[in-house]
Amino acid sequence: MATTPLRVKQGDVGYPVRSQLISDGAVVDLTGATARFIMRATKTSAAAKVDQPATIVGDPAQGNIQYEMTAGDLDTPGNYLVEWEVTFATGEVATWPSGGYLPLTVVAELG
């Protein structure tokens, strides 16, 4: 899974954050799974800025997942940490990226 920093403009909505989940070099099969998109200002923040269901895109066996930003998700400029939390049909829960976070920066709008 790429960990390239994401940069989005404050207040933009409908912006999709997408990832392909990989574990030990193999694509993660998301068949029967559900997922959440979690975004916090810091890993020790009291509450998540965003904690919402994510969408498994296309063939679940290809491990593609996305979340579309909605009103309020990008209303505050700053640096955030993002992760995907997946609950498999077996009840197992796993989080990506497993070795850190996906950085996301909300850039202040000029208006």
N, C-alpha and C. Protein backbone atom coordinates (compact mmCIF):
# COMPACT_ATOMS: atom_id res chain seq x y z
N MET A 1 0.84 -1.17 0.00
CA MET A 1 0.00 0.00 0.00
C MET A 1 0.88 1.23 0.00
N ALA A 2 0.58 2.17 -0.87
CA ALA A 2 1.36 3.39 -0.97
C ALA A 2 1.17 4.24 0.28
N THR A 3 2.25 4.89 0.70
CA THR A 3 2.15 5.81 1.83
C THR A 3 2.53 7.22 1.40
N THR A 4 2.30 7.53 0.13
CA THR A 4 2.55 8.87 -0.37
C THR A 4 1.62 9.84 0.34
N PRO A 5 2.17 10.94 0.86
CA PRO A 5 1.30 11.91 1.55
C PRO A 5 0.21 12.44 0.63
N LEU A 6 -0.98 12.54 1.16
CA LEU A 6 -2.10 13.11 0.42
C LEU A 6 -2.23 14.57 0.79
N ARG A 7 -2.52 15.41 -0.18
CA ARG A 7 -2.75 16.83 0.06
C ARG A 7 -4.07 17.19 -0.58
N VAL A 8 -4.98 17.73 0.22
CA VAL A 8 -6.29 18.14 -0.28
C VAL A 8 -6.59 19.53 0.24
N LYS A 9 -7.49 20.22 -0.44
CA LYS A 9 -7.84 21.60 -0.09
C LYS A 9 -8.98 21.62 0.90
N GLN A 10 -8.88 22.51 1.87
CA GLN A 10 -9.91 22.69 2.89
C GLN A 10 -11.28 22.86 2.24
N GLY A 11 -12.27 22.14 2.76
CA GLY A 11 -13.66 22.29 2.32
C GLY A 11 -14.04 21.48 1.10
N ASP A 12 -13.08 20.85 0.42
CA ASP A 12 -13.42 20.04 -0.75
C ASP A 12 -14.23 18.82 -0.30
N VAL A 13 -15.27 18.50 -1.03
CA VAL A 13 -16.06 17.31 -0.71
C VAL A 13 -16.07 16.40 -1.93
N GLY A 14 -16.37 15.14 -1.69
CA GLY A 14 -16.39 14.16 -2.77
C GLY A 14 -15.00 13.71 -3.17
N TYR A 15 -13.97 14.15 -2.44
CA TYR A 15 -12.61 13.74 -2.73
C TYR A 15 -12.41 12.30 -2.27
N PRO A 16 -12.12 11.37 -3.19
CA PRO A 16 -11.93 9.98 -2.76
C PRO A 16 -10.50 9.68 -2.31
N VAL A 17 -10.37 9.04 -1.18
CA VAL A 17 -9.10 8.51 -0.72
C VAL A 17 -9.15 7.02 -1.06
N ARG A 18 -8.16 6.54 -1.82
CA ARG A 18 -8.18 5.15 -2.29
C ARG A 18 -6.87 4.46 -1.94
N SER A 19 -6.98 3.17 -1.66
CA SER A 19 -5.80 2.35 -1.41
C SER A 19 -6.07 0.93 -1.89
N GLN A 20 -5.00 0.23 -2.22
CA GLN A 20 -5.08 -1.20 -2.43
C GLN A 20 -4.34 -1.83 -1.25
N LEU A 21 -5.03 -2.66 -0.49
CA LEU A 21 -4.45 -3.25 0.70
C LEU A 21 -3.58 -4.45 0.33
N ILE A 22 -2.35 -4.41 0.86
CA ILE A 22 -1.35 -5.45 0.60
C ILE A 22 -0.85 -5.96 1.95
N SER A 23 -0.68 -7.27 2.06
CA SER A 23 -0.12 -7.85 3.28
C SER A 23 0.93 -8.88 2.87
N ASP A 24 2.13 -8.73 3.38
CA ASP A 24 3.24 -9.63 3.05
C ASP A 24 3.41 -9.79 1.54
N GLY A 25 3.25 -8.70 0.81
CA GLY A 25 3.45 -8.70 -0.63
C GLY A 25 2.28 -9.20 -1.45
N ALA A 26 1.20 -9.63 -0.79
CA ALA A 26 0.03 -10.15 -1.52
C ALA A 26 -1.17 -9.23 -1.31
N VAL A 27 -1.98 -9.12 -2.35
CA VAL A 27 -3.22 -8.34 -2.26
C VAL A 27 -4.14 -9.00 -1.24
N VAL A 28 -4.79 -8.19 -0.41
CA VAL A 28 -5.70 -8.70 0.62
C VAL A 28 -7.07 -8.93 0.00
N ASP A 29 -7.59 -10.13 0.14
CA ASP A 29 -8.93 -10.47 -0.36
C ASP A 29 -9.96 -9.93 0.63
N LEU A 30 -10.77 -8.98 0.19
CA LEU A 30 -11.77 -8.34 1.04
C LEU A 30 -13.18 -8.93 0.89
N THR A 31 -13.27 -10.11 0.29
CA THR A 31 -14.56 -10.77 0.10
C THR A 31 -15.23 -10.98 1.47
N GLY A 32 -16.45 -10.46 1.61
CA GLY A 32 -17.22 -10.61 2.85
C GLY A 32 -16.80 -9.66 3.96
N ALA A 33 -15.83 -8.79 3.69
CA ALA A 33 -15.32 -7.89 4.72
C ALA A 33 -16.08 -6.56 4.73
N THR A 34 -15.96 -5.85 5.85
CA THR A 34 -16.42 -4.46 5.95
C THR A 34 -15.20 -3.64 6.36
N ALA A 35 -15.27 -2.34 6.11
CA ALA A 35 -14.10 -1.51 6.40
C ALA A 35 -14.50 -0.13 6.89
N ARG A 36 -13.56 0.50 7.60
CA ARG A 36 -13.75 1.86 8.11
C ARG A 36 -12.54 2.71 7.71
N PHE A 37 -12.80 3.99 7.50
CA PHE A 37 -11.77 4.99 7.25
C PHE A 37 -11.64 5.80 8.53
N ILE A 38 -10.43 5.87 9.08
CA ILE A 38 -10.22 6.58 10.34
C ILE A 38 -9.14 7.64 10.12
N MET A 39 -9.45 8.88 10.53
CA MET A 39 -8.53 10.00 10.36
C MET A 39 -8.46 10.77 11.68
N ARG A 40 -7.25 10.95 12.20
CA ARG A 40 -7.03 11.68 13.46
C ARG A 40 -5.99 12.77 13.23
N ALA A 41 -6.05 13.80 14.07
CA ALA A 41 -5.03 14.85 14.00
C ALA A 41 -3.68 14.31 14.46
N THR A 42 -3.66 13.50 15.50
CA THR A 42 -2.45 12.83 15.96
C THR A 42 -2.85 11.45 16.46
N LYS A 43 -1.89 10.56 16.63
CA LYS A 43 -2.24 9.22 17.09
C LYS A 43 -2.73 9.21 18.53
N THR A 44 -2.52 10.31 19.28
CA THR A 44 -3.01 10.37 20.66
C THR A 44 -4.22 11.29 20.81
N SER A 45 -4.79 11.76 19.69
CA SER A 45 -5.98 12.61 19.76
C SER A 45 -7.09 11.89 20.51
N ALA A 46 -7.85 12.65 21.29
CA ALA A 46 -8.94 12.07 22.08
C ALA A 46 -10.01 11.41 21.20
N ALA A 47 -10.28 12.01 20.06
CA ALA A 47 -11.32 11.47 19.18
C ALA A 47 -10.86 11.58 17.73
N ALA A 48 -11.38 10.70 16.91
CA ALA A 48 -11.07 10.74 15.49
C ALA A 48 -11.81 11.90 14.85
N LYS A 49 -11.19 12.57 13.90
CA LYS A 49 -11.85 13.59 13.09
C LYS A 49 -12.87 12.91 12.18
N VAL A 50 -12.50 11.75 11.64
CA VAL A 50 -13.38 10.95 10.79
C VAL A 50 -13.26 9.49 11.21
N ASP A 51 -14.38 8.83 11.38
CA ASP A 51 -14.44 7.39 11.62
C ASP A 51 -15.73 6.92 10.96
N GLN A 52 -15.62 6.55 9.67
CA GLN A 52 -16.79 6.26 8.86
C GLN A 52 -16.59 4.99 8.04
N PRO A 53 -17.70 4.37 7.64
CA PRO A 53 -17.58 3.19 6.76
C PRO A 53 -16.89 3.55 5.45
N ALA A 54 -16.06 2.63 4.98
CA ALA A 54 -15.39 2.76 3.69
C ALA A 54 -16.04 1.79 2.71
N THR A 55 -15.74 1.98 1.44
CA THR A 55 -16.31 1.16 0.38
C THR A 55 -15.25 0.26 -0.23
N ILE A 56 -15.59 -1.01 -0.38
CA ILE A 56 -14.72 -1.94 -1.11
C ILE A 56 -15.07 -1.76 -2.58
N VAL A 57 -14.07 -1.46 -3.39
CA VAL A 57 -14.29 -1.07 -4.78
C VAL A 57 -13.99 -2.22 -5.73
N GLY A 58 -14.92 -2.46 -6.66
CA GLY A 58 -14.70 -3.49 -7.69
C GLY A 58 -14.69 -4.89 -7.10
N ASP A 59 -13.84 -5.74 -7.66
CA ASP A 59 -13.70 -7.13 -7.23
C ASP A 59 -13.04 -7.15 -5.84
N PRO A 60 -13.75 -7.63 -4.80
CA PRO A 60 -13.18 -7.63 -3.45
C PRO A 60 -11.85 -8.37 -3.34
N ALA A 61 -11.62 -9.34 -4.22
CA ALA A 61 -10.38 -10.11 -4.18
C ALA A 61 -9.16 -9.26 -4.57
N GLN A 62 -9.40 -8.08 -5.15
CA GLN A 62 -8.31 -7.20 -5.56
C GLN A 62 -7.88 -6.23 -4.46
N GLY A 63 -8.61 -6.19 -3.32
CA GLY A 63 -8.18 -5.42 -2.16
C GLY A 63 -8.29 -3.92 -2.25
N ASN A 64 -9.11 -3.41 -3.18
CA ASN A 64 -9.24 -1.97 -3.34
C ASN A 64 -10.34 -1.41 -2.44
N ILE A 65 -10.02 -0.28 -1.81
CA ILE A 65 -10.90 0.31 -0.82
C ILE A 65 -10.88 1.83 -1.00
N GLN A 66 -11.99 2.49 -0.66
CA GLN A 66 -12.00 3.95 -0.76
C GLN A 66 -12.99 4.56 0.22
N TYR A 67 -12.77 5.85 0.47
CA TYR A 67 -13.68 6.65 1.28
C TYR A 67 -13.78 8.01 0.60
N GLU A 68 -15.01 8.51 0.40
CA GLU A 68 -15.21 9.83 -0.18
C GLU A 68 -15.43 10.85 0.92
N MET A 69 -14.60 11.88 0.91
CA MET A 69 -14.70 12.93 1.91
C MET A 69 -16.06 13.63 1.81
N THR A 70 -16.64 13.94 2.97
CA THR A 70 -17.93 14.61 3.03
C THR A 70 -17.77 15.95 3.76
N ALA A 71 -18.84 16.74 3.79
CA ALA A 71 -18.81 18.03 4.47
C ALA A 71 -18.36 17.82 5.91
N GLY A 72 -17.43 18.62 6.37
CA GLY A 72 -16.91 18.52 7.72
C GLY A 72 -15.63 17.72 7.84
N ASP A 73 -15.38 16.79 6.92
CA ASP A 73 -14.16 15.99 6.99
C ASP A 73 -12.91 16.84 6.77
N LEU A 74 -13.03 17.83 5.86
CA LEU A 74 -11.88 18.64 5.48
C LEU A 74 -12.07 20.11 5.83
N ASP A 75 -12.80 20.38 6.90
CA ASP A 75 -13.08 21.77 7.27
C ASP A 75 -11.97 22.44 8.08
N THR A 76 -11.01 21.66 8.59
CA THR A 76 -9.95 22.19 9.45
C THR A 76 -8.58 21.90 8.84
N PRO A 77 -7.85 22.96 8.44
CA PRO A 77 -6.52 22.74 7.90
C PRO A 77 -5.60 22.09 8.93
N GLY A 78 -4.67 21.30 8.46
CA GLY A 78 -3.71 20.66 9.36
C GLY A 78 -3.22 19.34 8.81
N ASN A 79 -2.38 18.70 9.61
CA ASN A 79 -1.82 17.40 9.25
C ASN A 79 -2.58 16.31 10.01
N TYR A 80 -2.92 15.25 9.30
CA TYR A 80 -3.71 14.16 9.88
C TYR A 80 -3.05 12.82 9.59
N LEU A 81 -3.45 11.82 10.35
CA LEU A 81 -3.01 10.44 10.15
C LEU A 81 -4.24 9.62 9.77
N VAL A 82 -4.07 8.78 8.76
CA VAL A 82 -5.19 7.98 8.23
C VAL A 82 -4.85 6.50 8.34
N GLU A 83 -5.87 5.69 8.62
CA GLU A 83 -5.72 4.24 8.54
C GLU A 83 -7.05 3.62 8.13
N TRP A 84 -6.96 2.41 7.61
CA TRP A 84 -8.12 1.60 7.22
C TRP A 84 -8.26 0.48 8.24
N GLU A 85 -9.44 0.28 8.77
CA GLU A 85 -9.70 -0.83 9.69
C GLU A 85 -10.68 -1.78 9.01
N VAL A 86 -10.26 -3.01 8.83
CA VAL A 86 -11.04 -4.02 8.10
C VAL A 86 -11.50 -5.10 9.06
N THR A 87 -12.79 -5.43 8.99
CA THR A 87 -13.34 -6.56 9.73
C THR A 87 -13.70 -7.63 8.70
N PHE A 88 -13.03 -8.76 8.79
CA PHE A 88 -13.26 -9.85 7.84
C PHE A 88 -14.48 -10.67 8.24
N ALA A 89 -14.99 -11.46 7.31
CA ALA A 89 -16.16 -12.30 7.57
C ALA A 89 -15.94 -13.24 8.75
N THR A 90 -14.69 -13.56 9.04
CA THR A 90 -14.35 -14.45 10.17
C THR A 90 -14.43 -13.74 11.52
N GLY A 91 -14.57 -12.39 11.48
CA GLY A 91 -14.57 -11.59 12.70
C GLY A 91 -13.21 -11.01 13.02
N GLU A 92 -12.17 -11.46 12.31
CA GLU A 92 -10.83 -10.91 12.50
C GLU A 92 -10.83 -9.44 12.11
N VAL A 93 -10.05 -8.62 12.83
CA VAL A 93 -9.91 -7.21 12.52
C VAL A 93 -8.43 -6.93 12.24
N ALA A 94 -8.16 -6.19 11.16
CA ALA A 94 -6.79 -5.81 10.81
C ALA A 94 -6.79 -4.36 10.35
N THR A 95 -5.65 -3.70 10.53
CA THR A 95 -5.53 -2.29 10.20
C THR A 95 -4.37 -2.08 9.23
N TRP A 96 -4.58 -1.18 8.24
CA TRP A 96 -3.55 -0.81 7.26
C TRP A 96 -3.37 0.68 7.28
N PRO A 97 -2.18 1.21 7.04
CA PRO A 97 -0.97 0.42 6.97
C PRO A 97 -0.60 -0.14 8.34
N SER A 98 -0.01 -1.31 8.35
CA SER A 98 0.28 -1.97 9.63
C SER A 98 1.49 -1.36 10.33
N GLY A 99 2.37 -0.72 9.58
CA GLY A 99 3.59 -0.18 10.17
C GLY A 99 3.60 1.32 10.35
N GLY A 100 2.45 1.95 10.45
CA GLY A 100 2.40 3.40 10.60
C GLY A 100 1.06 3.94 10.16
N TYR A 101 1.09 5.08 9.51
CA TYR A 101 -0.14 5.75 9.09
C TYR A 101 0.05 6.36 7.72
N LEU A 102 -1.03 6.60 7.04
CA LEU A 102 -1.01 7.32 5.78
C LEU A 102 -1.17 8.81 6.12
N PRO A 103 -0.18 9.65 5.78
CA PRO A 103 -0.30 11.07 6.11
C PRO A 103 -1.24 11.80 5.16
N LEU A 104 -2.04 12.70 5.69
CA LEU A 104 -2.96 13.50 4.90
C LEU A 104 -2.87 14.94 5.41
N THR A 105 -2.66 15.88 4.50
CA THR A 105 -2.60 17.29 4.84
C THR A 105 -3.79 18.01 4.23
N VAL A 106 -4.51 18.75 5.07
CA VAL A 106 -5.59 19.61 4.60
C VAL A 106 -5.00 21.02 4.49
N VAL A 107 -4.92 21.52 3.27
CA VAL A 107 -4.33 22.82 3.00
C VAL A 107 -5.41 23.90 3.07
N ALA A 108 -5.11 25.00 3.76
CA ALA A 108 -6.09 26.09 3.91
C ALA A 108 -6.48 26.68 2.56
N GLU A 109 -7.76 26.95 2.39
CA GLU A 109 -8.23 27.60 1.17
C GLU A 109 -7.97 29.11 1.26
N LEU A 110 -7.91 29.79 0.14
CA LEU A 110 -7.61 31.21 0.14
C LEU A 110 -8.81 32.07 0.51
N GLY A 111 -10.01 31.55 0.29
CA GLY A 111 -11.23 32.34 0.54
C GLY A 111 -11.47 32.50 1.97
